Every structure is written in C-alpha cells, then in structure tokens.
Amino acid sequence: MFGLGFWELLLILVIVLVLFGVKRLPQLGSSLGEGIKNFTKSVREEDSLPEKKNPPDEEASDSSKPPGKDD
C-alpha cells in the first residue's frame, strides 16, 4: 500500500514503543482508532447532505420587497 515492508513496519513499532512506552500504547491505539472512525463518519455525513441551491439572480434582486406584495 505505502511501499512499507515488514522491516520498516517493525522499525516504526519499535520507535513508537521507545517514545511512548508500553503502558500508553493501548491508549494511543484506541485514540487513533476513534479519530479515524470520527473522520470517516463526518465524511459520510457530508456526502449524504443535499447540496444547497443558490436562488436565481432575479429572486435575489426582488428580496427588498416583502413577500406576498406585488406592485
């Protein structure tokens, strides 16, 4: 996928273990998973929202008149 092999992934895991320690590793994993879940949820919600249509220019120019009053 990203061109990472087994040794590269193992090196990244070792660096993460050294930086954060064994005790914080599960917390980091759950935080990362929750962030990804929230991101994908927001992307799906944005895709499902209908697009707002802009009113035509004619209606925008008549907006100074109260509705229902024809001159």
N, C-alpha and C. Protein backbone atom coordinates (compact mmCIF):
# COMPACT_ATOMS: atom_id res chain seq x y z
N MET A 1 0.82 -1.19 0.00
CA MET A 1 0.00 0.00 0.00
C MET A 1 0.87 1.25 0.00
N PHE A 2 1.72 1.41 0.97
CA PHE A 2 2.59 2.57 1.03
C PHE A 2 4.03 2.19 0.69
N GLY A 3 4.25 0.97 0.26
CA GLY A 3 5.58 0.52 -0.06
C GLY A 3 6.40 0.18 1.18
N LEU A 4 5.72 -0.07 2.29
CA LEU A 4 6.42 -0.43 3.52
C LEU A 4 6.47 -1.94 3.65
N GLY A 5 7.65 -2.44 3.93
CA GLY A 5 7.83 -3.87 4.12
C GLY A 5 7.76 -4.23 5.59
N PHE A 6 8.04 -5.48 5.88
CA PHE A 6 7.98 -5.98 7.24
C PHE A 6 8.98 -5.26 8.14
N TRP A 7 10.21 -5.07 7.65
CA TRP A 7 11.24 -4.47 8.49
C TRP A 7 10.96 -3.00 8.78
N GLU A 8 10.39 -2.31 7.81
CA GLU A 8 10.04 -0.91 8.04
C GLU A 8 8.95 -0.77 9.10
N LEU A 9 7.92 -1.63 9.00
CA LEU A 9 6.85 -1.61 10.00
C LEU A 9 7.36 -1.99 11.38
N LEU A 10 8.26 -2.94 11.45
CA LEU A 10 8.85 -3.34 12.73
C LEU A 10 9.67 -2.20 13.32
N LEU A 11 10.43 -1.49 12.50
CA LEU A 11 11.21 -0.35 12.97
C LEU A 11 10.30 0.76 13.50
N ILE A 12 9.20 1.03 12.79
CA ILE A 12 8.25 2.05 13.24
C ILE A 12 7.64 1.64 14.58
N LEU A 13 7.28 0.39 14.74
CA LEU A 13 6.71 -0.10 16.00
C LEU A 13 7.71 0.04 17.15
N VAL A 14 8.97 -0.26 16.91
CA VAL A 14 9.99 -0.13 17.94
C VAL A 14 10.16 1.34 18.34
N ILE A 15 10.17 2.23 17.37
CA ILE A 15 10.32 3.67 17.67
C ILE A 15 9.13 4.16 18.48
N VAL A 16 7.92 3.73 18.12
CA VAL A 16 6.73 4.13 18.87
C VAL A 16 6.81 3.60 20.30
N LEU A 17 7.25 2.37 20.48
CA LEU A 17 7.39 1.80 21.82
C LEU A 17 8.41 2.57 22.65
N VAL A 18 9.50 2.98 22.04
CA VAL A 18 10.53 3.73 22.78
C VAL A 18 10.01 5.11 23.16
N LEU A 19 9.31 5.76 22.23
CA LEU A 19 8.83 7.11 22.50
C LEU A 19 7.71 7.16 23.54
N PHE A 20 6.76 6.25 23.43
CA PHE A 20 5.56 6.34 24.26
C PHE A 20 5.50 5.31 25.39
N GLY A 21 6.24 4.25 25.28
CA GLY A 21 6.22 3.23 26.32
C GLY A 21 5.08 2.24 26.13
N VAL A 22 5.18 1.12 26.83
CA VAL A 22 4.22 0.04 26.69
C VAL A 22 2.88 0.40 27.32
N LYS A 23 2.90 1.18 28.39
CA LYS A 23 1.66 1.49 29.10
C LYS A 23 0.74 2.41 28.30
N ARG A 24 1.29 3.32 27.52
CA ARG A 24 0.47 4.26 26.77
C ARG A 24 0.11 3.75 25.38
N LEU A 25 0.68 2.64 24.94
CA LEU A 25 0.43 2.13 23.59
C LEU A 25 -1.04 1.77 23.36
N PRO A 26 -1.74 1.07 24.27
CA PRO A 26 -3.17 0.81 24.04
C PRO A 26 -4.00 2.08 23.98
N GLN A 27 -3.66 3.07 24.81
CA GLN A 27 -4.38 4.34 24.80
C GLN A 27 -4.19 5.05 23.46
N LEU A 28 -2.98 5.04 22.95
CA LEU A 28 -2.71 5.66 21.65
C LEU A 28 -3.47 4.95 20.53
N GLY A 29 -3.51 3.62 20.60
CA GLY A 29 -4.23 2.86 19.58
C GLY A 29 -5.72 3.15 19.57
N SER A 30 -6.31 3.22 20.76
CA SER A 30 -7.75 3.49 20.83
C SER A 30 -8.04 4.93 20.39
N SER A 31 -7.18 5.86 20.74
CA SER A 31 -7.37 7.26 20.31
C SER A 31 -7.27 7.38 18.80
N LEU A 32 -6.31 6.69 18.22
CA LEU A 32 -6.14 6.72 16.77
C LEU A 32 -7.34 6.09 16.08
N GLY A 33 -7.81 4.96 16.59
CA GLY A 33 -8.99 4.31 16.01
C GLY A 33 -10.23 5.16 16.11
N GLU A 34 -10.43 5.83 17.24
CA GLU A 34 -11.58 6.70 17.42
C GLU A 34 -11.51 7.90 16.49
N GLY A 35 -10.32 8.44 16.30
CA GLY A 35 -10.16 9.57 15.38
C GLY A 35 -10.46 9.19 13.95
N ILE A 36 -10.01 8.02 13.53
CA ILE A 36 -10.28 7.56 12.17
C ILE A 36 -11.77 7.31 12.00
N LYS A 37 -12.41 6.72 13.02
CA LYS A 37 -13.85 6.45 12.95
C LYS A 37 -14.64 7.75 12.84
N ASN A 38 -14.28 8.77 13.62
CA ASN A 38 -14.98 10.05 13.56
C ASN A 38 -14.76 10.74 12.22
N PHE A 39 -13.56 10.62 11.68
CA PHE A 39 -13.26 11.23 10.38
C PHE A 39 -14.09 10.59 9.28
N THR A 40 -14.14 9.26 9.23
CA THR A 40 -14.92 8.60 8.19
C THR A 40 -16.41 8.87 8.36
N LYS A 41 -16.88 8.98 9.61
CA LYS A 41 -18.29 9.28 9.86
C LYS A 41 -18.63 10.68 9.33
N SER A 42 -17.77 11.65 9.59
CA SER A 42 -18.03 13.01 9.12
C SER A 42 -17.97 13.10 7.60
N VAL A 43 -17.10 12.34 6.97
CA VAL A 43 -17.03 12.34 5.50
C VAL A 43 -18.30 11.74 4.92
N ARG A 44 -18.78 10.65 5.51
CA ARG A 44 -20.02 10.03 5.02
C ARG A 44 -21.20 10.97 5.22
N GLU A 45 -21.29 11.66 6.34
CA GLU A 45 -22.40 12.58 6.59
C GLU A 45 -22.36 13.74 5.61
N GLU A 46 -21.18 14.23 5.30
CA GLU A 46 -21.06 15.35 4.37
C GLU A 46 -21.47 14.92 2.97
N ASP A 47 -21.14 13.69 2.58
CA ASP A 47 -21.52 13.20 1.26
C ASP A 47 -23.02 13.00 1.15
N SER A 48 -23.70 12.67 2.25
CA SER A 48 -25.12 12.38 2.18
C SER A 48 -25.98 13.64 2.29
N LEU A 49 -25.41 14.78 2.68
CA LEU A 49 -26.17 16.01 2.78
C LEU A 49 -26.52 16.54 1.39
N PRO A 50 -27.76 17.01 1.21
CA PRO A 50 -28.10 17.58 -0.09
C PRO A 50 -27.38 18.90 -0.28
N GLU A 51 -27.06 19.17 -1.52
CA GLU A 51 -26.38 20.43 -1.82
C GLU A 51 -27.38 21.58 -1.79
N LYS A 52 -26.96 22.70 -1.23
CA LYS A 52 -27.82 23.87 -1.19
C LYS A 52 -27.79 24.54 -2.56
N LYS A 53 -28.97 24.87 -3.03
CA LYS A 53 -29.06 25.55 -4.32
C LYS A 53 -29.17 27.04 -4.08
N ASN A 54 -28.42 27.81 -4.84
CA ASN A 54 -28.47 29.26 -4.75
C ASN A 54 -29.71 29.76 -5.50
N PRO A 55 -30.40 30.75 -4.96
CA PRO A 55 -31.57 31.27 -5.69
C PRO A 55 -31.13 31.99 -6.95
N PRO A 56 -31.98 32.01 -7.96
CA PRO A 56 -31.62 32.74 -9.19
C PRO A 56 -31.42 34.22 -8.90
N ASP A 57 -30.73 34.90 -9.80
CA ASP A 57 -30.42 36.32 -9.61
C ASP A 57 -31.68 37.17 -9.56
N GLU A 58 -32.74 36.79 -10.31
CA GLU A 58 -33.96 37.59 -10.33
C GLU A 58 -34.60 37.63 -8.95
N GLU A 59 -34.67 36.50 -8.27
CA GLU A 59 -35.28 36.47 -6.96
C GLU A 59 -34.44 37.22 -5.93
N ALA A 60 -33.15 37.21 -6.11
CA ALA A 60 -32.27 37.90 -5.18
C ALA A 60 -32.46 39.42 -5.28
N SER A 61 -32.74 39.93 -6.48
CA SER A 61 -32.90 41.37 -6.63
C SER A 61 -34.25 41.83 -6.08
N ASP A 62 -35.25 40.94 -6.04
CA ASP A 62 -36.57 41.29 -5.51
C ASP A 62 -36.68 41.03 -4.01
N SER A 63 -35.60 40.77 -3.35
CA SER A 63 -35.65 40.43 -1.93
C SER A 63 -35.98 41.63 -1.06
N SER A 64 -35.89 42.85 -1.61
CA SER A 64 -36.19 44.03 -0.81
C SER A 64 -37.69 44.20 -0.60
N LYS A 65 -38.50 43.57 -1.47
CA LYS A 65 -39.95 43.64 -1.33
C LYS A 65 -40.43 42.62 -0.31
N PRO A 66 -41.43 42.94 0.47
CA PRO A 66 -41.98 41.95 1.38
C PRO A 66 -42.66 40.84 0.59
N PRO A 67 -42.62 39.61 1.06
CA PRO A 67 -43.25 38.52 0.32
C PRO A 67 -44.76 38.69 0.28
N GLY A 68 -45.36 38.34 -0.85
CA GLY A 68 -46.80 38.41 -1.00
C GLY A 68 -47.29 39.76 -1.49
N LYS A 69 -46.44 40.75 -1.59
CA LYS A 69 -46.82 42.09 -2.06
C LYS A 69 -46.34 42.25 -3.49
N ASP A 70 -47.26 42.39 -4.41
CA ASP A 70 -46.90 42.62 -5.81
C ASP A 70 -47.23 44.05 -6.18
N ASP A 71 -46.30 44.75 -6.81
CA ASP A 71 -46.52 46.14 -7.23
C ASP A 71 -46.77 46.21 -8.70
